[in-house]
Amino acid sequence: MAVAVTELYTTAGYAAFDSHLDDVARHHWARALDRGRDGPFWQVFALWTAGRLTEERGHPDEALKLHQLALILGEEATGDDPRLPAQAGLVRADAALAYARLGRPELAQGELAGAADGWAPGGVADQAVMDEARAAVAIQLGELDAAEPFAASALRLRAGSGYEREAALTAVTLAIIHVQAGEPDGSMLADRALGAVARLRSARARDRLAPLGEAPTARGGSTNLDLAQRAVAVQRWA
């Protein structure tokens, strides 16, 4: 029963994160940590998602600390929950993103290498999360060519999965790569991403559109300006 309650707290926290109810999210994750002594996987998950929220709010240094705490907790966990090794790899991939945003590319690459070393996903969803994390690190490091195949892979894995929010987030990531690289299909991919986000009530997905509202404007041209305006309109709609 305690493990089930911990899972509910982590799930509720993630839903609050998606809605920008940060204090509510942190409250639920704190309860998960407090009540989840018999379910270390969900404690690790709670710290990981708390780190993701913190990083997305512009505090990669604090996010890194949360990811490191999650890894320590996972290493100290008793039992042999098969989900923990796979989760540890995902935590390390997000720690790599924090390092990249702190201007430490060598540490980011090292963390990614550690995340991939012997890593086996627990399923398709884990692989999609890992691929998108690798794409995010490459984008942050300005390596768009390296980012593209990871984002494309994540989107293929999420197609038809039933997780529309995650698929929309990945569609935005792929569109951002192509638009920023000036690829001819960037506008088409951005149209698809905007449509996917517009169907959701997700503040987090709308936040992810910010680069699409900025990059096309910088490039100029009526098509690019129209794309930027539509991205901003979807961002503002709730």
Protein backbone atom coordinates (compact mmCIF):
# COMPACT_ATOMS: atom_id res chain seq x y z
CA MET A 1 0.00 0.00 0.00
CA ALA A 2 2.81 2.42 0.88
CA VAL A 3 4.44 1.86 -2.50
CA ALA A 4 1.14 2.49 -4.30
CA VAL A 5 0.65 5.74 -2.41
CA THR A 6 4.20 6.81 -3.28
CA GLU A 7 3.50 6.13 -6.96
CA LEU A 8 0.35 8.23 -6.76
CA TYR A 9 2.27 11.13 -5.22
CA THR A 10 4.93 11.03 -7.95
CA THR A 11 2.28 10.89 -10.68
CA ALA A 12 0.35 13.79 -9.14
CA GLY A 13 3.58 15.76 -8.90
CA TYR A 14 4.33 15.18 -12.58
CA ALA A 15 0.84 16.37 -13.55
CA ALA A 16 1.34 19.54 -11.49
CA PHE A 17 4.74 20.06 -13.16
CA ASP A 18 3.06 19.90 -16.56
CA SER A 19 0.58 22.57 -15.44
CA HIS A 20 3.24 24.91 -13.96
CA LEU A 21 1.93 24.32 -10.44
CA ASP A 22 5.49 24.09 -9.16
CA ASP A 23 4.78 24.34 -5.43
CA VAL A 24 2.11 21.64 -5.72
CA ALA A 25 4.51 19.42 -7.66
CA ARG A 26 7.26 19.82 -5.08
CA HIS A 27 4.79 19.09 -2.27
CA HIS A 28 3.75 15.80 -3.88
CA TRP A 29 7.35 14.77 -4.57
CA ALA A 30 8.34 15.58 -0.98
CA ARG A 31 5.53 13.33 0.24
CA ALA A 32 6.72 10.60 -2.13
CA LEU A 33 10.22 10.82 -0.69
CA ASP A 34 8.88 10.73 2.85
CA ARG A 35 6.51 7.81 2.35
CA GLY A 36 8.46 5.79 -0.21
CA ARG A 37 11.05 4.09 1.95
CA ASP A 38 9.76 0.73 0.76
CA GLY A 39 9.65 1.86 -2.86
CA PRO A 40 13.05 3.40 -3.74
CA PHE A 41 12.29 3.44 -7.45
CA TRP A 42 9.57 6.03 -6.93
CA GLN A 43 11.81 8.05 -4.65
CA VAL A 44 14.44 8.15 -7.38
CA PHE A 45 11.75 9.05 -9.90
CA ALA A 46 10.51 11.88 -7.67
CA LEU A 47 13.99 13.37 -7.30
CA TRP A 48 14.61 13.01 -11.03
CA THR A 49 11.42 14.82 -12.00
CA ALA A 50 12.09 17.49 -9.37
CA GLY A 51 15.47 17.97 -11.04
CA ARG A 52 13.84 18.28 -14.46
CA LEU A 53 11.46 20.95 -13.17
CA THR A 54 14.32 22.85 -11.57
CA GLU A 55 16.41 22.70 -14.74
CA GLU A 56 13.51 23.88 -16.92
CA ARG A 57 13.03 26.85 -14.60
CA GLY A 58 16.58 27.95 -15.33
CA HIS A 59 18.54 26.49 -12.40
CA PRO A 60 20.78 23.75 -13.82
CA ASP A 61 23.13 23.91 -10.83
CA GLU A 62 20.32 23.02 -8.41
CA ALA A 63 18.94 20.47 -10.86
CA LEU A 64 22.31 18.74 -10.95
CA LYS A 65 22.28 18.38 -7.17
CA LEU A 66 18.86 16.73 -7.29
CA HIS A 67 19.99 14.32 -10.00
CA GLN A 68 23.07 13.43 -7.98
CA LEU A 69 20.91 12.78 -4.91
CA ALA A 70 18.68 10.54 -7.02
CA LEU A 71 21.69 8.51 -8.14
CA ILE A 72 22.97 8.15 -4.58
CA LEU A 73 19.56 7.02 -3.36
CA GLY A 74 19.34 4.48 -6.19
CA GLU A 75 22.80 3.10 -5.39
CA GLU A 76 21.96 2.75 -1.71
CA ALA A 77 18.58 1.12 -2.32
CA THR A 78 18.10 -2.37 -1.00
CA GLY A 79 16.51 -5.11 -3.05
CA ASP A 80 16.86 -5.77 -6.76
CA ASP A 81 14.17 -3.66 -8.44
CA PRO A 82 14.99 -4.14 -12.15
CA ARG A 83 13.73 -0.64 -12.95
CA LEU A 84 16.45 1.12 -10.96
CA PRO A 85 19.40 0.58 -13.35
CA ALA A 86 17.39 1.84 -16.32
CA GLN A 87 16.20 4.85 -14.32
CA ALA A 88 19.76 5.64 -13.24
CA GLY A 89 20.76 5.96 -16.90
CA LEU A 90 17.95 8.45 -17.52
CA VAL A 91 18.97 10.47 -14.46
CA ARG A 92 22.56 10.62 -15.70
CA ALA A 93 21.40 11.76 -19.14
CA ASP A 94 19.55 14.68 -17.55
CA ALA A 95 22.58 15.42 -15.38
CA ALA A 96 24.49 15.70 -18.68
CA LEU A 97 22.02 18.34 -19.83
CA ALA A 98 22.56 20.29 -16.61
CA TYR A 99 26.32 20.19 -17.19
CA ALA A 100 25.84 21.38 -20.78
CA ARG A 101 23.76 24.33 -19.60
CA LEU A 102 26.42 25.15 -17.02
CA GLY A 103 28.96 25.45 -19.83
CA ARG A 104 30.79 22.21 -19.03
CA PRO A 105 30.67 20.26 -22.31
CA GLU A 106 33.37 17.81 -21.27
CA LEU A 107 31.42 16.82 -18.16
CA ALA A 108 28.21 16.63 -20.18
CA GLN A 109 29.80 14.24 -22.66
CA GLY A 110 31.31 12.19 -19.85
CA GLU A 111 27.95 11.88 -18.11
CA LEU A 112 26.29 10.80 -21.37
CA ALA A 113 28.96 8.16 -21.89
CA GLY A 114 28.36 6.91 -18.35
CA ALA A 115 24.61 6.85 -18.92
CA ALA A 116 25.01 4.72 -22.05
CA ASP A 117 27.62 2.33 -20.60
CA GLY A 118 25.85 -1.00 -20.19
CA TRP A 119 22.45 0.72 -20.16
CA ALA A 120 19.41 -1.34 -21.10
CA PRO A 121 16.02 0.38 -21.38
CA GLY A 122 13.10 -1.01 -19.43
CA GLY A 123 10.97 -0.57 -22.52
CA VAL A 124 10.23 1.65 -25.51
CA ALA A 125 9.32 4.59 -23.26
CA ASP A 126 12.72 4.53 -21.57
CA GLN A 127 14.51 4.49 -24.92
CA ALA A 128 12.46 7.46 -26.11
CA VAL A 129 13.32 9.44 -22.96
CA MET A 130 17.01 8.63 -23.40
CA ASP A 131 17.01 9.59 -27.08
CA GLU A 132 15.35 12.92 -26.37
CA ALA A 133 17.76 13.63 -23.53
CA ARG A 134 20.69 13.02 -25.86
CA ALA A 135 19.09 15.32 -28.44
CA ALA A 136 18.64 18.04 -25.81
CA VAL A 137 22.30 17.84 -24.80
CA ALA A 138 23.43 18.05 -28.42
CA ILE A 139 21.18 21.06 -29.04
CA GLN A 140 22.57 22.79 -25.98
CA LEU A 141 26.11 22.14 -27.24
CA GLY A 142 25.21 23.53 -30.68
CA GLU A 143 25.53 20.13 -32.38
CA LEU A 144 22.31 20.08 -34.42
CA ASP A 145 23.50 17.34 -36.79
CA ALA A 146 24.12 15.06 -33.80
CA ALA A 147 20.79 15.99 -32.19
CA GLU A 148 18.57 15.25 -35.19
CA PRO A 149 18.74 11.41 -35.32
CA PHE A 150 18.09 11.14 -31.58
CA ALA A 151 15.04 13.42 -31.76
CA ALA A 152 13.74 11.58 -34.84
CA SER A 153 14.19 8.23 -33.08
CA ALA A 154 12.36 9.46 -29.98
CA LEU A 155 9.45 10.67 -32.10
CA ARG A 156 9.20 7.34 -33.96
CA LEU A 157 9.18 5.46 -30.66
CA ARG A 158 6.42 7.68 -29.29
CA ALA A 159 4.21 7.61 -32.37
CA GLY A 160 0.97 5.84 -31.53
CA SER A 161 2.07 5.23 -27.95
CA GLY A 162 -0.95 6.98 -26.48
CA TYR A 163 1.27 9.48 -24.68
CA GLU A 164 0.25 12.53 -26.68
CA ARG A 165 2.00 15.02 -24.41
CA GLU A 166 5.38 13.31 -24.66
CA ALA A 167 4.99 12.86 -28.43
CA ALA A 168 4.16 16.57 -28.81
CA LEU A 169 7.21 17.59 -26.76
CA THR A 170 9.41 15.45 -29.00
CA ALA A 171 7.78 16.84 -32.15
CA VAL A 172 8.68 20.33 -30.95
CA THR A 173 12.28 19.29 -30.30
CA LEU A 174 12.63 17.85 -33.82
CA ALA A 175 11.04 20.94 -35.37
CA ILE A 176 13.37 23.25 -33.46
CA ILE A 177 16.40 21.36 -34.79
CA HIS A 178 15.25 21.61 -38.40
CA VAL A 179 14.17 25.25 -38.14
CA GLN A 180 17.39 26.36 -36.47
CA ALA A 181 19.42 24.43 -39.06
CA GLY A 182 17.51 26.12 -41.88
CA GLU A 183 16.28 22.80 -43.30
CA PRO A 184 13.59 23.08 -46.02
CA ASP A 185 11.22 20.82 -44.08
CA GLY A 186 11.50 22.93 -40.92
CA SER A 187 8.25 24.80 -41.54
CA MET A 188 6.32 21.57 -42.17
CA LEU A 189 7.67 19.94 -39.01
CA ALA A 190 6.89 23.09 -37.04
CA ASP A 191 3.31 23.05 -38.35
CA ARG A 192 2.91 19.49 -37.09
CA ALA A 193 4.42 20.36 -33.73
CA LEU A 194 2.18 23.40 -33.30
CA GLY A 195 -0.87 21.31 -34.11
CA ALA A 196 0.15 18.64 -31.59
CA VAL A 197 0.69 21.19 -28.82
CA ALA A 198 -2.50 23.09 -29.62
CA ARG A 199 -4.52 19.94 -28.89
CA LEU A 200 -3.09 19.71 -25.38
CA ARG A 201 -3.72 21.57 -22.16
CA SER A 202 -0.06 21.55 -21.22
CA ALA A 203 1.78 24.63 -20.02
CA ARG A 204 5.04 22.74 -20.29
CA ALA A 205 4.49 21.91 -23.97
CA ARG A 206 3.68 25.55 -24.71
CA ASP A 207 6.87 26.66 -23.00
CA ARG A 208 8.82 24.32 -25.27
CA LEU A 209 7.62 26.34 -28.29
CA ALA A 210 9.66 29.43 -27.34
CA PRO A 211 12.56 28.77 -29.78
CA LEU A 212 10.07 28.40 -32.64
CA GLY A 213 8.79 31.88 -31.84
CA GLU A 214 12.31 33.29 -31.89
CA ALA A 215 14.41 31.50 -34.53
CA PRO A 216 12.08 32.13 -37.50
CA THR A 217 11.89 35.83 -36.63
CA ALA A 218 15.67 36.06 -36.68
CA ARG A 219 15.78 34.46 -40.14
CA GLY A 220 13.21 36.86 -41.60
CA GLY A 221 10.90 36.24 -44.57
CA SER A 222 7.11 36.16 -44.61
CA THR A 223 6.86 32.38 -44.10
CA ASN A 224 9.23 32.44 -41.15
CA LEU A 225 7.51 35.43 -39.58
CA ASP A 226 4.13 33.72 -39.95
CA LEU A 227 5.52 30.62 -38.23
CA ALA A 228 6.88 32.74 -35.39
CA GLN A 229 3.53 34.46 -34.93
CA ARG A 230 1.65 31.16 -34.86
CA ALA A 231 4.11 29.71 -32.34
CA VAL A 232 3.60 32.69 -30.06
CA ALA A 233 -0.20 32.44 -30.47
CA VAL A 234 -0.20 28.75 -29.44
CA GLN A 235 2.07 29.57 -26.50
CA ARG A 236 -0.37 32.17 -25.22
CA TRP A 237 -3.50 30.07 -25.70
CA ALA A 238 -4.63 28.13 -22.66
